Amino acid sequence: MLSVRGLTKSFGAKRVLDGVDLDLATGESLVVIGGSGTGKSVLLRCILGLETPDAGTILWQGAPLAQRRAEFMDHFGMLFQNAALFDSLPVWRNVAFRLLRTMPKAHARRIALEKLARVGLGPEVADLHPAELSGGMRKRAGLARAIAADPKVIFFDEPTTGLDPIRAAAINMLIRDIVDETGATAITITHDMSSVRSIADRVALLDRGRLRWQGTVDEMDRAGDDYLADFIAGRARPMAWGPG
């Protein structure tokens, strides 16, 4: 579904991505982990076209993504770190934001209510505004918006940030169920190892802009990589070790 080859990106003198190679199979759930400043968000932004790489190629279904950007944008969904709902719009319009460009209002609202129900939010939430929702409810509304157009590819940016463990576990379960049910290809970036174990088919570890390790969740626990082991366990390392 997606291939990244030799992706490089610098901001001034700081090289954030340093020749990243990555493949993502159709229907696969990939979770990208790594410390702060290791390039996770920049990788996502380059795929989405929000940043222009200095070098490298991104392929979508075997063709350069830059040549098929408009088509790609019609087939992706995104759950932002803080849900990023529009404060001035009721919840159902947030969910149906893309749909309202292409279909009648009544049809878009019906789909929005279906997607809200799928993430455990009832019709009584539809006409509320984001400020009236709890953090967990906003995250669910953001997830409903991400799947509203039945995307082929879904991106999840720190999906459990700011949630307590119970609500975080519920969001992780929802994401895994939705990926399984829809067959969507998913990329998640997170620091939360609970999310990794719940969501991932495969894990990729970024370290100082390079892909240090990748494999399945089962392989992760016996990989024999000290950095990966410390990241999983949350063990601190000397500052000389690197960023994050």
C-alpha atoms as a PDB file:
ATOM      1  CA  MET A   1       0.000   0.000   0.000  1.00  0.00           C
ATOM      2  CA  LEU A   2       2.772   2.447   0.961  1.00  0.00           C
ATOM      3  CA  SER A   3       6.539   2.369   0.466  1.00  0.00           C
ATOM      4  CA  VAL A   4       9.086   4.893   1.714  1.00  0.00           C
ATOM      5  CA  ARG A   5      12.568   4.863   0.194  1.00  0.00           C
ATOM      6  CA  GLY A   6      15.546   6.902   1.340  1.00  0.00           C
ATOM      7  CA  LEU A   7      13.409   9.570   2.994  1.00  0.00           C
ATOM      8  CA  THR A   8      15.500  12.469   4.273  1.00  0.00           C
ATOM      9  CA  LYS A   9      14.358  15.700   5.908  1.00  0.00           C
ATOM     10  CA  SER A  10      16.324  18.430   7.664  1.00  0.00           C
ATOM     11  CA  PHE A  11      15.324  21.641   9.394  1.00  0.00           C
ATOM     12  CA  GLY A  12      18.334  23.916   9.152  1.00  0.00           C
ATOM     13  CA  ALA A  13      21.347  22.012  10.415  1.00  0.00           C
ATOM     14  CA  LYS A  14      19.234  19.391  12.179  1.00  0.00           C
ATOM     15  CA  ARG A  15      18.597  16.219  10.168  1.00  0.00           C
ATOM     16  CA  VAL A  16      15.349  14.725  11.433  1.00  0.00           C
ATOM     17  CA  LEU A  17      14.944  11.887   8.919  1.00  0.00           C
ATOM     18  CA  ASP A  18      18.102  10.258   7.609  1.00  0.00           C
ATOM     19  CA  GLY A  19      17.335   7.785   4.830  1.00  0.00           C
ATOM     20  CA  VAL A  20      14.228   5.999   6.102  1.00  0.00           C
ATOM     21  CA  ASP A  21      13.049   2.892   4.221  1.00  0.00           C
ATOM     22  CA  LEU A  22       9.671   1.485   5.188  1.00  0.00           C
ATOM     23  CA  ASP A  23       6.977  -0.713   3.625  1.00  0.00           C
ATOM     24  CA  LEU A  24       3.341  -1.000   4.648  1.00  0.00           C
ATOM     25  CA  ALA A  25       1.222  -3.848   3.302  1.00  0.00           C
ATOM     26  CA  THR A  26      -2.447  -3.502   2.433  1.00  0.00           C
ATOM     27  CA  GLY A  27      -4.569  -4.083   5.529  1.00  0.00           C
ATOM     28  CA  GLU A  28      -1.568  -3.953   7.869  1.00  0.00           C
ATOM     29  CA  SER A  29      -1.470  -1.996  11.113  1.00  0.00           C
ATOM     30  CA  LEU A  30       1.984  -0.460  11.568  1.00  0.00           C
ATOM     31  CA  VAL A  31       2.943   1.344  14.782  1.00  0.00           C
ATOM     32  CA  VAL A  32       5.951   3.670  14.699  1.00  0.00           C
ATOM     33  CA  ILE A  33       7.665   4.188  18.054  1.00  0.00           C
ATOM     34  CA  GLY A  34      10.697   6.143  19.239  1.00  0.00           C
ATOM     35  CA  GLY A  35      11.717   8.902  21.595  1.00  0.00           C
ATOM     36  CA  SER A  36      10.788  12.553  21.203  1.00  0.00           C
ATOM     37  CA  GLY A  37      12.679  14.162  18.353  1.00  0.00           C
ATOM     38  CA  THR A  38      13.383  10.908  16.519  1.00  0.00           C
ATOM     39  CA  GLY A  39      11.317  11.843  13.457  1.00  0.00           C
ATOM     40  CA  LYS A  40       7.979  10.044  13.957  1.00  0.00           C
ATOM     41  CA  SER A  41       5.738  13.056  13.389  1.00  0.00           C
ATOM     42  CA  VAL A  42       7.901  14.354  10.543  1.00  0.00           C
ATOM     43  CA  LEU A  43       7.629  10.978   8.810  1.00  0.00           C
ATOM     44  CA  LEU A  44       3.845  11.191   9.068  1.00  0.00           C
ATOM     45  CA  ARG A  45       3.817  14.788   7.839  1.00  0.00           C
ATOM     46  CA  CYS A  46       5.952  13.877   4.828  1.00  0.00           C
ATOM     47  CA  ILE A  47       3.570  11.062   3.864  1.00  0.00           C
ATOM     48  CA  LEU A  48       0.599  13.414   4.221  1.00  0.00           C
ATOM     49  CA  GLY A  49       2.291  16.110   2.138  1.00  0.00           C
ATOM     50  CA  LEU A  50       2.482  18.606   4.999  1.00  0.00           C
ATOM     51  CA  GLU A  51       6.290  18.579   4.718  1.00  0.00           C
ATOM     52  CA  THR A  52       8.389  18.236   1.570  1.00  0.00           C
ATOM     53  CA  PRO A  53      11.234  15.714   1.939  1.00  0.00           C
ATOM     54  CA  ASP A  54      14.735  16.811   0.984  1.00  0.00           C
ATOM     55  CA  ALA A  55      15.328  13.448  -0.691  1.00  0.00           C
ATOM     56  CA  GLY A  56      13.673  10.077  -1.113  1.00  0.00           C
ATOM     57  CA  THR A  57      10.485   8.685  -2.593  1.00  0.00           C
ATOM     58  CA  ILE A  58       7.061   7.817  -1.216  1.00  0.00           C
ATOM     59  CA  LEU A  59       5.048   5.326  -3.269  1.00  0.00           C
ATOM     60  CA  TRP A  60       1.325   4.663  -2.945  1.00  0.00           C
ATOM     61  CA  GLN A  61       0.142   1.431  -4.550  1.00  0.00           C
ATOM     62  CA  GLY A  62       3.404   1.334  -6.502  1.00  0.00           C
ATOM     63  CA  ALA A  63       3.257   4.846  -7.987  1.00  0.00           C
ATOM     64  CA  PRO A  64       4.906   8.056  -6.746  1.00  0.00           C
ATOM     65  CA  LEU A  65       2.571   9.583  -4.183  1.00  0.00           C
ATOM     66  CA  ALA A  66       3.419  13.105  -5.337  1.00  0.00           C
ATOM     67  CA  GLN A  67       1.759  12.311  -8.685  1.00  0.00           C
ATOM     68  CA  ARG A  68      -1.397  10.923  -7.057  1.00  0.00           C
ATOM     69  CA  ARG A  69      -1.765  13.285  -4.116  1.00  0.00           C
ATOM     70  CA  ALA A  70      -5.368  14.331  -4.846  1.00  0.00           C
ATOM     71  CA  GLU A  71      -6.506  10.708  -5.216  1.00  0.00           C
ATOM     72  CA  PHE A  72      -4.676   9.707  -2.058  1.00  0.00           C
ATOM     73  CA  MET A  73      -6.278  12.515  -0.068  1.00  0.00           C
ATOM     74  CA  ASP A  74      -9.707  11.164  -0.982  1.00  0.00           C
ATOM     75  CA  HIS A  75      -8.826   7.795   0.539  1.00  0.00           C
ATOM     76  CA  PHE A  76      -7.218   8.604   3.883  1.00  0.00           C
ATOM     77  CA  GLY A  77      -8.514   9.349   7.368  1.00  0.00           C
ATOM     78  CA  MET A  78      -6.710  10.962  10.292  1.00  0.00           C
ATOM     79  CA  LEU A  79      -7.141  10.902  14.050  1.00  0.00           C
ATOM     80  CA  PHE A  80      -5.173  13.850  15.392  1.00  0.00           C
ATOM     81  CA  GLN A  81      -3.406  13.807  18.744  1.00  0.00           C
ATOM     82  CA  ASN A  82      -5.902  16.150  20.410  1.00  0.00           C
ATOM     83  CA  ALA A  83      -8.836  15.177  18.149  1.00  0.00           C
ATOM     84  CA  ALA A  84      -8.620  18.650  16.478  1.00  0.00           C
ATOM     85  CA  LEU A  85     -12.375  19.091  16.283  1.00  0.00           C
ATOM     86  CA  PHE A  86     -13.761  22.385  15.025  1.00  0.00           C
ATOM     87  CA  ASP A  87     -15.053  24.187  18.120  1.00  0.00           C
ATOM     88  CA  SER A  88     -17.720  26.143  16.237  1.00  0.00           C
ATOM     89  CA  LEU A  89     -19.350  23.084  14.658  1.00  0.00           C
ATOM     90  CA  PRO A  90     -21.610  20.521  16.331  1.00  0.00           C
ATOM     91  CA  VAL A  91     -20.204  17.038  16.641  1.00  0.00           C
ATOM     92  CA  TRP A  92     -22.110  15.563  13.708  1.00  0.00           C
ATOM     93  CA  ARG A  93     -20.825  18.274  11.366  1.00  0.00           C
ATOM     94  CA  ASN A  94     -17.291  17.587  12.577  1.00  0.00           C
ATOM     95  CA  VAL A  95     -17.733  13.918  11.720  1.00  0.00           C
ATOM     96  CA  ALA A  96     -19.377  14.698   8.373  1.00  0.00           C
ATOM     97  CA  PHE A  97     -17.004  17.539   7.473  1.00  0.00           C
ATOM     98  CA  ARG A  98     -15.652  15.805   4.342  1.00  0.00           C
ATOM     99  CA  LEU A  99     -18.974  14.189   3.443  1.00  0.00           C
ATOM    100  CA  LEU A 100     -20.814  17.509   3.293  1.00  0.00           C
ATOM    101  CA  ARG A 101     -18.774  18.472   0.235  1.00  0.00           C
ATOM    102  CA  THR A 102     -20.186  15.630  -1.837  1.00  0.00           C
ATOM    103  CA  MET A 103     -23.659  14.668  -0.552  1.00  0.00           C
ATOM    104  CA  PRO A 104     -26.887  16.177   0.809  1.00  0.00           C
ATOM    105  CA  LYS A 105     -26.926  17.291   4.422  1.00  0.00           C
ATOM    106  CA  ALA A 106     -29.461  14.652   5.533  1.00  0.00           C
ATOM    107  CA  HIS A 107     -27.398  11.826   4.050  1.00  0.00           C
ATOM    108  CA  ALA A 108     -24.188  13.130   5.595  1.00  0.00           C
ATOM    109  CA  ARG A 109     -25.849  13.437   9.008  1.00  0.00           C
ATOM    110  CA  ARG A 110     -27.139   9.859   8.804  1.00  0.00           C
ATOM    111  CA  ILE A 111     -23.641   8.556   8.084  1.00  0.00           C
ATOM    112  CA  ALA A 112     -22.216  10.727  10.893  1.00  0.00           C
ATOM    113  CA  LEU A 113     -24.701   9.210  13.365  1.00  0.00           C
ATOM    114  CA  GLU A 114     -23.754   5.702  12.182  1.00  0.00           C
ATOM    115  CA  LYS A 115     -20.052   6.398  12.682  1.00  0.00           C
ATOM    116  CA  LEU A 116     -20.671   7.969  16.092  1.00  0.00           C
ATOM    117  CA  ALA A 117     -22.594   4.855  17.103  1.00  0.00           C
ATOM    118  CA  ARG A 118     -19.690   2.721  15.881  1.00  0.00           C
ATOM    119  CA  VAL A 119     -17.358   4.443  18.357  1.00  0.00           C
ATOM    120  CA  GLY A 120     -19.860   4.246  21.210  1.00  0.00           C
ATOM    121  CA  LEU A 121     -21.432   7.714  21.045  1.00  0.00           C
ATOM    122  CA  GLY A 122     -25.227   8.005  20.909  1.00  0.00           C
ATOM    123  CA  PRO A 123     -27.395  10.397  18.869  1.00  0.00           C
ATOM    124  CA  GLU A 124     -27.720  12.708  21.874  1.00  0.00           C
ATOM    125  CA  VAL A 125     -24.095  13.723  21.291  1.00  0.00           C
ATOM    126  CA  ALA A 126     -24.576  14.731  17.659  1.00  0.00           C
ATOM    127  CA  ASP A 127     -25.756  18.298  18.248  1.00  0.00           C
ATOM    128  CA  LEU A 128     -23.405  19.065  21.115  1.00  0.00           C
ATOM    129  CA  HIS A 129     -20.269  21.122  20.562  1.00  0.00           C
ATOM    130  CA  PRO A 130     -16.779  19.759  21.276  1.00  0.00           C
ATOM    131  CA  ALA A 131     -16.416  21.874  24.426  1.00  0.00           C
ATOM    132  CA  GLU A 132     -19.344  19.936  25.917  1.00  0.00           C
ATOM    133  CA  LEU A 133     -17.562  16.588  25.548  1.00  0.00           C
ATOM    134  CA  SER A 134     -15.061  14.875  27.824  1.00  0.00           C
ATOM    135  CA  GLY A 135     -11.570  14.157  26.546  1.00  0.00           C
ATOM    136  CA  GLY A 136     -12.432  10.539  25.814  1.00  0.00           C
ATOM    137  CA  MET A 137     -15.620  11.524  23.977  1.00  0.00           C
ATOM    138  CA  ARG A 138     -13.719  14.058  21.856  1.00  0.00           C
ATOM    139  CA  LYS A 139     -11.225  11.357  20.945  1.00  0.00           C
ATOM    140  CA  ARG A 140     -14.068   9.041  19.933  1.00  0.00           C
ATOM    141  CA  ALA A 141     -15.658  11.813  17.856  1.00  0.00           C
ATOM    142  CA  GLY A 142     -12.307  12.349  16.171  1.00  0.00           C
ATOM    143  CA  LEU A 143     -12.120   8.636  15.425  1.00  0.00           C
ATOM    144  CA  ALA A 144     -15.641   8.733  13.957  1.00  0.00           C
ATOM    145  CA  ARG A 145     -14.533  11.574  11.668  1.00  0.00           C
ATOM    146  CA  ALA A 146     -11.433   9.615  10.647  1.00  0.00           C
ATOM    147  CA  ILE A 147     -13.551   6.674   9.432  1.00  0.00           C
ATOM    148  CA  ALA A 148     -16.520   8.673   8.102  1.00  0.00           C
ATOM    149  CA  ALA A 149     -15.553   8.294   4.432  1.00  0.00           C
ATOM    150  CA  ASP A 150     -14.489   4.630   4.764  1.00  0.00           C
ATOM    151  CA  PRO A 151     -10.818   5.398   4.043  1.00  0.00           C
ATOM    152  CA  LYS A 152      -8.297   2.911   2.701  1.00  0.00           C
ATOM    153  CA  VAL A 153      -5.525   4.350   4.872  1.00  0.00           C
ATOM    154  CA  ILE A 154      -5.930   5.729   8.414  1.00  0.00           C
ATOM    155  CA  PHE A 155      -3.310   7.635  10.389  1.00  0.00           C
ATOM    156  CA  PHE A 156      -3.403   7.783  14.185  1.00  0.00           C
ATOM    157  CA  ASP A 157      -1.250  10.437  15.870  1.00  0.00           C
ATOM    158  CA  GLU A 158      -0.716   9.572  19.562  1.00  0.00           C
ATOM    159  CA  PRO A 159      -4.313   8.298  19.862  1.00  0.00           C
ATOM    160  CA  THR A 160      -4.303   7.847  23.659  1.00  0.00           C
ATOM    161  CA  THR A 161      -2.495  11.040  24.711  1.00  0.00           C
ATOM    162  CA  GLY A 162      -4.244  12.709  27.658  1.00  0.00           C
ATOM    163  CA  LEU A 163      -6.510   9.762  28.446  1.00  0.00           C
ATOM    164  CA  ASP A 164      -6.594   7.722  31.624  1.00  0.00           C
ATOM    165  CA  PRO A 165      -5.647   4.021  31.286  1.00  0.00           C
ATOM    166  CA  ILE A 166      -9.244   2.774  31.070  1.00  0.00           C
ATOM    167  CA  ARG A 167     -10.257   5.230  28.342  1.00  0.00           C
ATOM    168  CA  ALA A 168      -6.946   4.658  26.561  1.00  0.00           C
ATOM    169  CA  ALA A 169      -7.581   0.910  26.521  1.00  0.00           C
ATOM    170  CA  ALA A 170     -11.066   1.517  25.097  1.00  0.00           C
ATOM    171  CA  ILE A 171      -9.667   3.689  22.282  1.00  0.00           C
ATOM    172  CA  ASN A 172      -6.992   1.079  21.513  1.00  0.00           C
ATOM    173  CA  MET A 173      -9.649  -1.625  21.290  1.00  0.00           C
ATOM    174  CA  LEU A 174     -11.795   0.534  19.016  1.00  0.00           C
ATOM    175  CA  ILE A 175      -8.894   1.235  16.675  1.00  0.00           C
ATOM    176  CA  ARG A 176      -7.973  -2.449  16.459  1.00  0.00           C
ATOM    177  CA  ASP A 177     -11.598  -3.461  15.831  1.00  0.00           C
ATOM    178  CA  ILE A 178     -12.085  -0.801  13.156  1.00  0.00           C
ATOM    179  CA  VAL A 179      -8.893  -1.782  11.334  1.00  0.00           C
ATOM    180  CA  ASP A 180      -9.923  -5.455  11.418  1.00  0.00           C
ATOM    181  CA  GLU A 181     -13.512  -4.768  10.300  1.00  0.00           C
ATOM    182  CA  THR A 182     -12.739  -2.342   7.474  1.00  0.00           C
ATOM    183  CA  GLY A 183      -9.511  -3.855   6.194  1.00  0.00           C
ATOM    184  CA  ALA A 184      -7.975  -0.389   6.253  1.00  0.00           C
ATOM    185  CA  THR A 185      -4.224   0.077   6.267  1.00  0.00           C
ATOM    186  CA  ALA A 186      -3.151   1.928   9.425  1.00  0.00           C
ATOM    187  CA  ILE A 187      -0.138   3.875  10.621  1.00  0.00           C
ATOM    188  CA  THR A 188       0.013   4.883  14.283  1.00  0.00           C
ATOM    189  CA  ILE A 189       2.689   6.919  16.024  1.00  0.00           C
ATOM    190  CA  THR A 190       2.786   6.596  19.783  1.00  0.00           C
ATOM    191  CA  HIS A 191       4.891   6.448  22.948  1.00  0.00           C
ATOM    192  CA  ASP A 192       2.297   4.226  24.645  1.00  0.00           C
ATOM    193  CA  MET A 193       3.423   0.600  24.727  1.00  0.00           C
ATOM    194  CA  SER A 194      -0.116  -0.498  25.622  1.00  0.00           C
ATOM    195  CA  SER A 195      -1.238   0.990  22.307  1.00  0.00           C
ATOM    196  CA  VAL A 196       1.579  -0.818  20.522  1.00  0.00           C
ATOM    197  CA  ARG A 197       0.536  -4.194  21.902  1.00  0.00           C
ATOM    198  CA  SER A 198      -3.158  -3.571  21.217  1.00  0.00           C
ATOM    199  CA  ILE A 199      -2.974  -2.015  17.750  1.00  0.00           C
ATOM    200  CA  ALA A 200       0.140  -3.252  15.955  1.00  0.00           C
ATOM    201  CA  ASP A 201       0.628  -6.021  13.454  1.00  0.00           C
ATOM    202  CA  ARG A 202       4.145  -4.704  12.995  1.00  0.00           C
ATOM    203  CA  VAL A 203       6.321  -2.225  14.900  1.00  0.00           C
ATOM    204  CA  ALA A 204       8.986   0.142  13.523  1.00  0.00           C
ATOM    205  CA  LEU A 205      11.477   1.856  15.845  1.00  0.00           C
ATOM    206  CA  LEU A 206      12.938   5.193  14.788  1.00  0.00           C
ATOM    207  CA  ASP A 207      16.193   6.329  16.390  1.00  0.00           C
ATOM    208  CA  ARG A 208      17.816   9.634  15.447  1.00  0.00           C
ATOM    209  CA  GLY A 209      16.052   9.770  12.115  1.00  0.00           C
ATOM    210  CA  ARG A 210      16.800   6.194  11.064  1.00  0.00           C
ATOM    211  CA  LEU A 211      14.795   3.007  11.162  1.00  0.00           C
ATOM    212  CA  ARG A 212      16.615   1.039  13.842  1.00  0.00           C
ATOM    213  CA  TRP A 213      14.378  -2.030  14.091  1.00  0.00           C
ATOM    214  CA  GLN A 214      11.121  -3.412  12.729  1.00  0.00           C
ATOM    215  CA  GLY A 215       9.186  -6.596  13.289  1.00  0.00           C
ATOM    216  CA  THR A 216       6.065  -8.073  14.836  1.00  0.00           C
ATOM    217  CA  VAL A 217       4.957  -7.476  18.417  1.00  0.00           C
ATOM    218  CA  ASP A 218       6.083 -10.988  19.363  1.00  0.00           C
ATOM    219  CA  GLU A 219       9.499 -10.375  17.812  1.00  0.00           C
ATOM    220  CA  MET A 220       9.787  -7.065  19.629  1.00  0.00           C
ATOM    221  CA  ASP A 221      10.034  -8.706  23.049  1.00  0.00           C
ATOM    222  CA  ARG A 222      12.942 -10.910  22.054  1.00  0.00           C
ATOM    223  CA  ALA A 223      14.722  -8.626  19.587  1.00  0.00           C
ATOM    224  CA  GLY A 224      17.939  -8.297  21.612  1.00  0.00           C
ATOM    225  CA  ASP A 225      18.263  -4.566  20.898  1.00  0.00           C
ATOM    226  CA  ASP A 226      19.223  -2.608  24.039  1.00  0.00           C
ATOM    227  CA  TYR A 227      17.605   0.636  22.907  1.00  0.00           C
ATOM    228  CA  LEU A 228      14.359  -1.141  22.051  1.00  0.00           C
ATOM    229  CA  ALA A 229      14.385  -3.028  25.352  1.00  0.00           C
ATOM    230  CA  ASP A 230      14.938   0.199  27.292  1.00  0.00           C
ATOM    231  CA  PHE A 231      12.179   1.953  25.348  1.00  0.00           C
ATOM    232  CA  ILE A 232       9.717  -0.851  26.068  1.00  0.00           C
ATOM    233  CA  ALA A 233      10.621  -0.845  29.772  1.00  0.00           C
ATOM    234  CA  GLY A 234      10.807   2.949  30.067  1.00  0.00           C
ATOM    235  CA  ARG A 235      14.381   2.868  31.332  1.00  0.00           C
ATOM    236  CA  ALA A 236      16.423   6.072  31.232  1.00  0.00           C
ATOM    237  CA  ARG A 237      19.751   6.166  29.406  1.00  0.00           C
ATOM    238  CA  PRO A 238      22.718   8.582  29.630  1.00  0.00           C
ATOM    239  CA  MET A 239      22.251  11.875  27.809  1.00  0.00           C
ATOM    240  CA  ALA A 240      25.138  11.012  25.463  1.00  0.00           C
ATOM    241  CA  TRP A 241      22.989   8.232  23.995  1.00  0.00           C
ATOM    242  CA  GLY A 242      21.036  10.675  21.837  1.00  0.00           C
ATOM    243  CA  PRO A 243      17.825  12.720  21.609  1.00  0.00           C
ATOM    244  CA  GLY A 244      14.605  11.647  23.267  1.00  0.00           C
END
